[in-house]
């Protein structure tokens, strides 16, 4: 008779794998359940907003009906935090912003309500809201990250760098590589003055590598700073070296604190050749280079890239930049709405 405690009894063969599989299935089921609840809540809020719009339009009800509705709903559902006057106004604005139920069900309805408040508060154009909603879904952005990406105008900057990828890389790699680079890059998080030197910027980027990777975008993995390459017995140092997981290639980044000059690409090309010969594996694609400079003449940059055989891009970086005024709207801010709603779960 085996009376050993269960904790002391070795598990049968294959048990650990089965347990890991069960944990994964339970976690996935919990996630699907949470997502289903969120979809139903957002759809409910949209329907309430549609009702308010329709009744105000058809029956001439004024804004005071929202005050009455908020009071009556909070009386009926005292535990609910979602029926304040401010949130009902957001439901109305949400329904007005998205008159098409299909968009609500397929795109913004997949996002938490807090994310939708960000989209309403920060962006005016439906096309911009939808683009950021889809990006948030694709990359799993938290609400705070969504705010940051909107305020730094991520989607407007994405794919804007000057490159020669179209003629130097095969499709679809050329398209993915182009979309992986931005212009300009925002380094506000470094807290450096506009006069900072290259070494200061490098050091600060490494100290803030998490924020730097977020600014670079999905797929970038940090390899090192001042990476040493021995070529013919001489040492050369790459400013910043990354590996892109989707492109499956090394990305060499060179920093220049002045205006772009065509000769900068000669140095970058040399580093690309060295990386391809010394670091690139058989499964890797050819390395790409990104030259980050304080300013550039677009025509000069295009001319300089036109005769380069290696895939390269040129973009500017900004150390400090204020929030564009056009991102402001007349709607209440997220902070104001949260004072009434309490903390909104992500």
Protein backbone atom coordinates (compact mmCIF):
# COMPACT_ATOMS: atom_id res chain seq x y z
CA UNK A 1 0.00 0.00 0.00
CA UNK A 2 1.46 3.38 -1.07
CA UNK A 3 0.66 5.97 1.59
CA UNK A 4 3.23 8.60 0.56
CA UNK A 5 1.95 12.18 0.54
CA UNK A 6 0.90 13.30 -2.94
CA UNK A 7 3.58 16.01 -2.91
CA UNK A 8 6.27 13.38 -2.38
CA UNK A 9 5.03 10.98 -5.06
CA UNK A 10 6.81 11.40 -8.41
CA UNK A 11 4.34 12.30 -11.17
CA UNK A 12 3.71 9.70 -13.87
CA UNK A 13 5.53 9.96 -17.17
CA UNK A 14 4.13 12.72 -19.37
CA UNK A 15 2.31 14.43 -16.49
CA UNK A 16 4.43 17.62 -16.61
CA UNK A 17 3.74 18.12 -20.31
CA UNK A 18 0.02 17.49 -19.80
CA UNK A 19 -0.10 19.95 -16.87
CA UNK A 20 1.66 22.63 -18.95
CA UNK A 21 -0.84 22.07 -21.76
CA UNK A 22 -3.79 22.34 -19.35
CA UNK A 23 -2.42 25.56 -17.87
CA UNK A 24 -2.13 27.02 -21.35
CA UNK A 25 -5.68 25.99 -22.25
CA UNK A 26 -7.07 27.43 -19.01
CA UNK A 27 -5.17 30.69 -19.52
CA UNK A 28 -6.40 30.99 -23.11
CA UNK A 29 -9.98 30.25 -22.05
CA UNK A 30 -9.76 32.93 -19.34
CA UNK A 31 -8.45 35.42 -21.89
CA UNK A 32 -11.24 34.59 -24.33
CA UNK A 33 -13.81 34.98 -21.56
CA UNK A 34 -12.39 38.39 -20.60
CA UNK A 35 -12.38 39.49 -24.23
CA UNK A 36 -15.97 38.29 -24.69
CA UNK A 37 -17.11 40.28 -21.63
CA UNK A 38 -15.28 43.35 -22.94
CA UNK A 39 -16.87 43.02 -26.39
CA UNK A 40 -20.34 42.77 -24.85
CA UNK A 41 -19.70 45.81 -22.62
CA UNK A 42 -18.41 47.98 -25.47
CA UNK A 43 -21.31 46.90 -27.70
CA UNK A 44 -23.75 47.74 -24.89
CA UNK A 45 -22.22 51.19 -24.49
CA UNK A 46 -22.47 51.73 -28.25
CA UNK A 47 -26.13 50.69 -28.25
CA UNK A 48 -26.92 53.04 -25.35
CA UNK A 49 -25.15 55.82 -27.22
CA UNK A 50 -27.18 55.04 -30.35
CA UNK A 51 -30.41 55.14 -28.32
CA UNK A 52 -29.51 58.54 -26.87
CA UNK A 53 -28.69 59.94 -30.31
CA UNK A 54 -31.86 58.58 -31.89
CA UNK A 55 -34.21 59.73 -29.16
CA UNK A 56 -32.67 63.17 -29.03
CA UNK A 57 -33.02 63.47 -32.79
CA UNK A 58 -36.54 61.99 -33.09
CA UNK A 59 -38.14 63.29 -29.90
CA UNK A 60 -36.20 66.49 -29.38
CA UNK A 61 -34.85 65.51 -25.98
CA UNK A 62 -32.20 67.90 -24.72
CA UNK A 63 -28.96 67.27 -22.83
CA UNK A 64 -30.78 67.19 -19.47
CA UNK A 65 -32.20 63.77 -20.28
CA UNK A 66 -28.66 62.41 -19.86
CA UNK A 67 -28.56 63.77 -16.29
CA UNK A 68 -31.83 62.03 -15.53
CA UNK A 69 -30.70 58.80 -17.21
CA UNK A 70 -27.43 58.78 -15.26
CA UNK A 71 -29.31 59.21 -11.97
CA UNK A 72 -31.85 56.49 -12.75
CA UNK A 73 -29.29 53.97 -14.01
CA UNK A 74 -27.04 54.48 -10.99
CA UNK A 75 -30.05 53.93 -8.75
CA UNK A 76 -30.88 50.72 -10.59
CA UNK A 77 -27.25 49.52 -10.72
CA UNK A 78 -25.52 50.99 -7.64
CA UNK A 79 -22.47 48.76 -8.04
CA UNK A 80 -21.81 49.89 -11.61
CA UNK A 81 -19.29 52.64 -12.30
CA UNK A 82 -20.14 53.04 -15.96
CA UNK A 83 -23.35 55.09 -15.79
CA UNK A 84 -22.14 58.52 -14.74
CA UNK A 85 -23.21 61.52 -16.82
CA UNK A 86 -19.66 61.81 -18.20
CA UNK A 87 -19.58 58.18 -19.34
CA UNK A 88 -23.04 58.45 -20.91
CA UNK A 89 -21.77 61.46 -22.84
CA UNK A 90 -18.87 59.32 -23.99
CA UNK A 91 -21.28 56.58 -25.07
CA UNK A 92 -23.12 59.18 -27.15
CA UNK A 93 -19.83 60.43 -28.63
CA UNK A 94 -18.69 56.83 -29.24
CA UNK A 95 -21.88 56.00 -31.15
CA UNK A 96 -21.64 59.24 -33.11
CA UNK A 97 -17.99 58.53 -33.99
CA UNK A 98 -18.80 54.96 -35.16
CA UNK A 99 -22.24 54.85 -36.82
CA UNK A 100 -21.36 51.52 -38.47
CA UNK A 101 -22.04 48.58 -36.12
CA UNK A 102 -19.70 46.34 -38.15
CA UNK A 103 -16.67 48.51 -37.33
CA UNK A 104 -17.59 48.40 -33.65
CA UNK A 105 -17.83 44.61 -33.69
CA UNK A 106 -14.70 43.99 -35.77
CA UNK A 107 -12.24 46.70 -34.67
CA UNK A 108 -12.84 49.10 -31.80
CA UNK A 109 -15.17 46.66 -30.06
CA UNK A 110 -12.15 44.39 -29.49
CA UNK A 111 -10.47 47.11 -27.40
CA UNK A 112 -11.20 47.88 -23.73
CA UNK A 113 -13.46 50.86 -23.07
CA UNK A 114 -10.51 52.83 -21.66
CA UNK A 115 -8.69 52.49 -24.99
CA UNK A 116 -11.76 53.80 -26.80
CA UNK A 117 -11.86 56.81 -24.50
CA UNK A 118 -8.27 57.54 -25.52
CA UNK A 119 -9.17 57.33 -29.22
CA UNK A 120 -12.13 59.69 -28.72
CA UNK A 121 -10.17 62.16 -26.63
CA UNK A 122 -6.94 62.28 -28.62
CA UNK A 123 -8.00 61.97 -32.27
CA UNK A 124 -10.53 63.81 -34.43
CA UNK A 125 -10.53 61.88 -37.71
CA UNK A 126 -12.29 58.46 -37.93
CA UNK A 127 -9.57 57.11 -40.23
CA UNK A 128 -6.88 57.98 -37.66
CA UNK A 129 -8.91 56.46 -34.83
CA UNK A 130 -9.44 53.25 -36.77
CA UNK A 131 -5.76 53.03 -37.75
CA UNK A 132 -4.60 53.39 -34.14
CA UNK A 133 -7.31 50.97 -32.95
CA UNK A 134 -6.05 48.32 -35.36
CA UNK A 135 -2.43 48.95 -34.38
CA UNK A 136 -3.32 48.66 -30.69
CA UNK A 137 -4.98 45.31 -31.36
CA UNK A 138 -2.11 44.03 -33.49
CA UNK A 139 0.61 44.95 -30.99
CA UNK A 140 -1.32 44.51 -27.74
CA UNK A 141 -0.70 48.09 -26.56
CA UNK A 142 -1.77 49.04 -23.07
CA UNK A 143 -3.79 52.23 -22.71
CA UNK A 144 -0.72 54.20 -21.62
CA UNK A 145 1.28 52.96 -24.61
CA UNK A 146 -1.62 53.87 -26.92
CA UNK A 147 -1.61 57.42 -25.50
CA UNK A 148 2.13 57.69 -26.05
CA UNK A 149 1.95 56.36 -29.61
CA UNK A 150 -0.79 58.85 -30.50
CA UNK A 151 1.00 61.78 -28.88
CA UNK A 152 4.24 60.95 -30.69
CA UNK A 153 2.30 60.45 -33.97
CA UNK A 154 3.65 56.96 -34.51
CA UNK A 155 1.57 56.00 -37.55
CA UNK A 156 2.27 59.30 -39.30
CA UNK A 157 6.02 58.71 -38.89
CA UNK A 158 6.03 54.99 -39.74
CA UNK A 159 7.51 54.15 -43.13
CA UNK A 160 8.52 57.80 -43.67
CA UNK A 161 12.32 57.36 -43.64
CA UNK A 162 14.17 57.84 -46.94
CA UNK A 163 15.45 54.41 -48.04
CA UNK A 164 16.61 52.45 -51.07
CA UNK A 165 14.88 49.28 -49.87
CA UNK A 166 12.53 49.06 -52.86
CA UNK A 167 15.44 48.50 -55.25
CA UNK A 168 17.85 46.72 -52.89
CA UNK A 169 15.60 44.17 -51.19
CA UNK A 170 13.14 41.61 -52.60
CA UNK A 171 9.43 41.88 -51.87
CA UNK A 172 7.82 41.48 -49.40
CA UNK A 173 10.96 42.07 -47.30
CA UNK A 174 11.42 45.54 -48.84
CA UNK A 175 7.92 46.61 -47.76
CA UNK A 176 8.35 45.26 -44.24
CA UNK A 177 11.77 46.91 -43.93
CA UNK A 178 10.40 50.26 -45.10
CA UNK A 179 7.49 50.09 -42.64
CA UNK A 180 9.94 49.18 -39.85
CA UNK A 181 11.68 52.58 -40.09
CA UNK A 182 10.26 55.97 -39.11
CA UNK A 183 11.06 59.62 -39.62
CA UNK A 184 11.62 61.36 -37.34
CA UNK A 185 12.45 59.26 -34.30
CA UNK A 186 11.34 60.79 -31.00
CA UNK A 187 13.82 60.61 -28.13
CA UNK A 188 11.96 62.90 -25.71
CA UNK A 189 12.33 60.26 -22.99
CA UNK A 190 16.11 60.86 -22.85
CA UNK A 191 15.74 64.31 -21.28
CA UNK A 192 18.74 65.62 -23.25
CA UNK A 193 19.26 69.09 -24.68
CA UNK A 194 19.33 69.67 -28.43
CA UNK A 195 23.11 70.29 -28.22
CA UNK A 196 23.93 66.82 -26.84
CA UNK A 197 26.81 65.02 -28.52
CA UNK A 198 26.71 61.60 -30.19
CA UNK A 199 28.27 59.73 -27.28
CA UNK A 200 25.81 61.30 -24.81
CA UNK A 201 22.86 60.26 -26.99
CA UNK A 202 24.25 56.71 -27.36
CA UNK A 203 24.76 56.31 -23.63
CA UNK A 204 21.31 57.68 -22.84
CA UNK A 205 19.65 55.37 -25.38
CA UNK A 206 21.27 52.33 -23.76
CA UNK A 207 20.22 53.54 -20.28
CA UNK A 208 16.65 53.83 -21.60
CA UNK A 209 16.81 50.80 -23.89
CA UNK A 210 13.23 49.70 -23.07
CA UNK A 211 11.81 53.04 -24.21
CA UNK A 212 14.20 53.03 -27.17
CA UNK A 213 12.99 49.59 -28.29
CA UNK A 214 9.40 50.79 -27.97
CA UNK A 215 10.20 53.78 -30.18
CA UNK A 216 11.96 51.58 -32.74
CA UNK A 217 8.88 49.38 -32.95
CA UNK A 218 7.91 45.72 -32.96
CA UNK A 219 10.57 43.19 -33.90
CA UNK A 220 13.76 44.95 -32.80
CA UNK A 221 16.08 43.16 -30.34
CA UNK A 222 19.07 44.99 -28.81
CA UNK A 223 22.47 43.40 -29.52
CA UNK A 224 24.93 45.99 -28.23
CA UNK A 225 26.47 49.46 -28.23
CA UNK A 226 29.94 50.26 -29.58
CA UNK A 227 30.14 46.70 -30.92
CA UNK A 228 33.74 45.92 -31.85
CA UNK A 229 34.60 44.61 -35.32
CA UNK A 230 38.14 43.49 -36.14
CA UNK A 231 38.90 44.13 -39.81
CA UNK A 232 42.44 43.46 -41.01
CA UNK A 233 43.82 43.83 -37.50
CA UNK A 234 42.12 47.21 -36.97
CA UNK A 235 39.21 47.79 -34.58
CA UNK A 236 36.03 49.53 -35.65
CA UNK A 237 33.04 50.35 -33.44
CA UNK A 238 29.36 50.20 -34.43
CA UNK A 239 27.30 52.80 -32.56
CA UNK A 240 24.25 50.57 -32.03
CA UNK A 241 23.53 47.06 -33.30
CA UNK A 242 20.10 45.41 -33.34
CA UNK A 243 18.54 42.26 -34.78
CA UNK A 244 15.09 42.40 -36.36
CA UNK A 245 13.13 39.24 -35.63
CA UNK A 246 10.61 39.61 -38.49
CA UNK A 247 13.13 40.72 -41.12
CA UNK A 248 15.63 38.14 -39.83
CA UNK A 249 18.58 40.45 -40.24
CA UNK A 250 20.98 42.66 -38.33
CA UNK A 251 20.24 46.39 -38.22
CA UNK A 252 23.24 48.72 -37.91
CA UNK A 253 22.38 52.17 -36.53
CA UNK A 254 24.79 55.10 -36.81
CA UNK A 255 24.19 58.40 -34.98
CA UNK A 256 25.22 61.80 -36.31
CA UNK A 257 24.48 64.91 -34.25
CA UNK A 258 24.85 67.23 -37.24
CA UNK A 259 23.28 67.53 -40.67
CA UNK A 260 23.38 64.53 -43.00
CA UNK A 261 26.36 64.33 -45.34
CA UNK A 262 26.69 61.82 -48.21
CA UNK A 263 30.03 60.56 -46.87
CA UNK A 264 28.23 59.24 -43.77
CA UNK A 265 26.84 56.42 -45.91
CA UNK A 266 30.34 55.22 -46.78
CA UNK A 267 31.05 54.50 -43.13
CA UNK A 268 27.64 52.84 -42.68
CA UNK A 269 28.22 50.68 -45.77
CA UNK A 270 31.58 49.54 -44.42
CA UNK A 271 29.93 48.43 -41.18
CA UNK A 272 27.22 46.56 -43.10
CA UNK A 273 29.86 44.65 -45.08
CA UNK A 274 31.73 43.75 -41.88
CA UNK A 275 28.57 42.58 -40.10
CA UNK A 276 27.51 40.47 -43.07
CA UNK A 277 30.91 38.79 -43.25
CA UNK A 278 31.53 38.32 -39.54
CA UNK A 279 28.14 38.07 -37.77
CA UNK A 280 25.49 37.16 -40.33
CA UNK A 281 24.45 33.51 -40.26
CA UNK A 282 23.30 31.33 -43.14
CA UNK A 283 19.67 31.77 -42.11
CA UNK A 284 19.96 35.58 -41.88
CA UNK A 285 19.02 38.05 -44.58
CA UNK A 286 21.43 40.83 -45.63
CA UNK A 287 21.89 43.45 -42.91
CA UNK A 288 20.26 46.86 -43.26
CA UNK A 289 21.60 50.20 -42.10
CA UNK A 290 19.87 53.20 -40.52
CA UNK A 291 21.61 56.57 -40.31
CA UNK A 292 20.06 58.80 -37.64
CA UNK A 293 20.94 62.49 -37.97
CA UNK A 294 19.78 65.79 -36.48
CA UNK A 295 18.67 67.11 -39.88
CA UNK A 296 18.80 66.25 -43.56
CA UNK A 297 18.15 67.67 -46.99
CA UNK A 298 15.66 65.25 -48.54
CA UNK A 299 16.97 65.65 -52.09
CA UNK A 300 20.61 65.20 -51.01
CA UNK A 301 19.62 62.07 -49.02
CA UNK A 302 17.80 60.58 -52.02
CA UNK A 303 20.75 61.27 -54.33
CA UNK A 304 23.21 59.76 -51.84
CA UNK A 305 21.18 56.55 -51.52
CA UNK A 306 20.51 56.07 -55.23
CA UNK A 307 23.87 54.49 -56.09
CA UNK A 308 24.36 52.49 -52.90
CA UNK A 309 24.12 48.73 -53.40
CA UNK A 310 23.40 47.94 -49.73
CA UNK A 311 19.97 48.47 -48.13
CA UNK A 312 20.06 51.70 -46.10
CA UNK A 313 17.72 54.30 -44.67
CA UNK A 314 18.15 57.88 -43.46
CA UNK A 315 15.98 59.48 -40.78
CA UNK A 316 16.10 62.39 -38.36
CA UNK A 317 15.81 62.20 -34.58
CA UNK A 318 14.26 64.72 -32.21
CA UNK A 319 15.39 65.04 -28.61
CA UNK A 320 12.58 67.37 -27.52
CA UNK A 321 9.27 68.10 -29.20
CA UNK A 322 5.96 69.42 -27.91
CA UNK A 323 2.59 67.79 -28.52
CA UNK A 324 1.07 69.06 -31.79
CA UNK A 325 -1.91 71.34 -31.14
CA UNK A 326 -4.07 69.52 -33.69
CA UNK A 327 -4.24 66.48 -31.40
CA UNK A 328 -6.28 68.48 -28.88
CA UNK A 329 -10.08 68.12 -29.03
CA UNK A 330 -13.08 69.71 -27.40
CA UNK A 331 -14.01 66.49 -25.58
CA UNK A 332 -13.21 66.06 -21.87
CA UNK A 333 -9.75 64.69 -21.17
CA UNK A 334 -9.11 61.12 -20.08
CA UNK A 335 -8.08 62.42 -16.66
CA UNK A 336 -11.38 64.28 -16.28
CA UNK A 337 -13.49 61.32 -17.32
CA UNK A 338 -11.62 58.99 -14.95
CA UNK A 339 -12.36 61.23 -11.99
CA UNK A 340 -16.03 60.35 -12.47
CA UNK A 341 -15.59 56.76 -13.57
CA UNK A 342 -12.96 55.73 -11.07
CA UNK A 343 -10.07 53.60 -12.32
CA UNK A 344 -10.84 51.99 -15.68
CA UNK A 345 -9.45 48.50 -16.01
CA UNK A 346 -7.11 47.89 -18.92
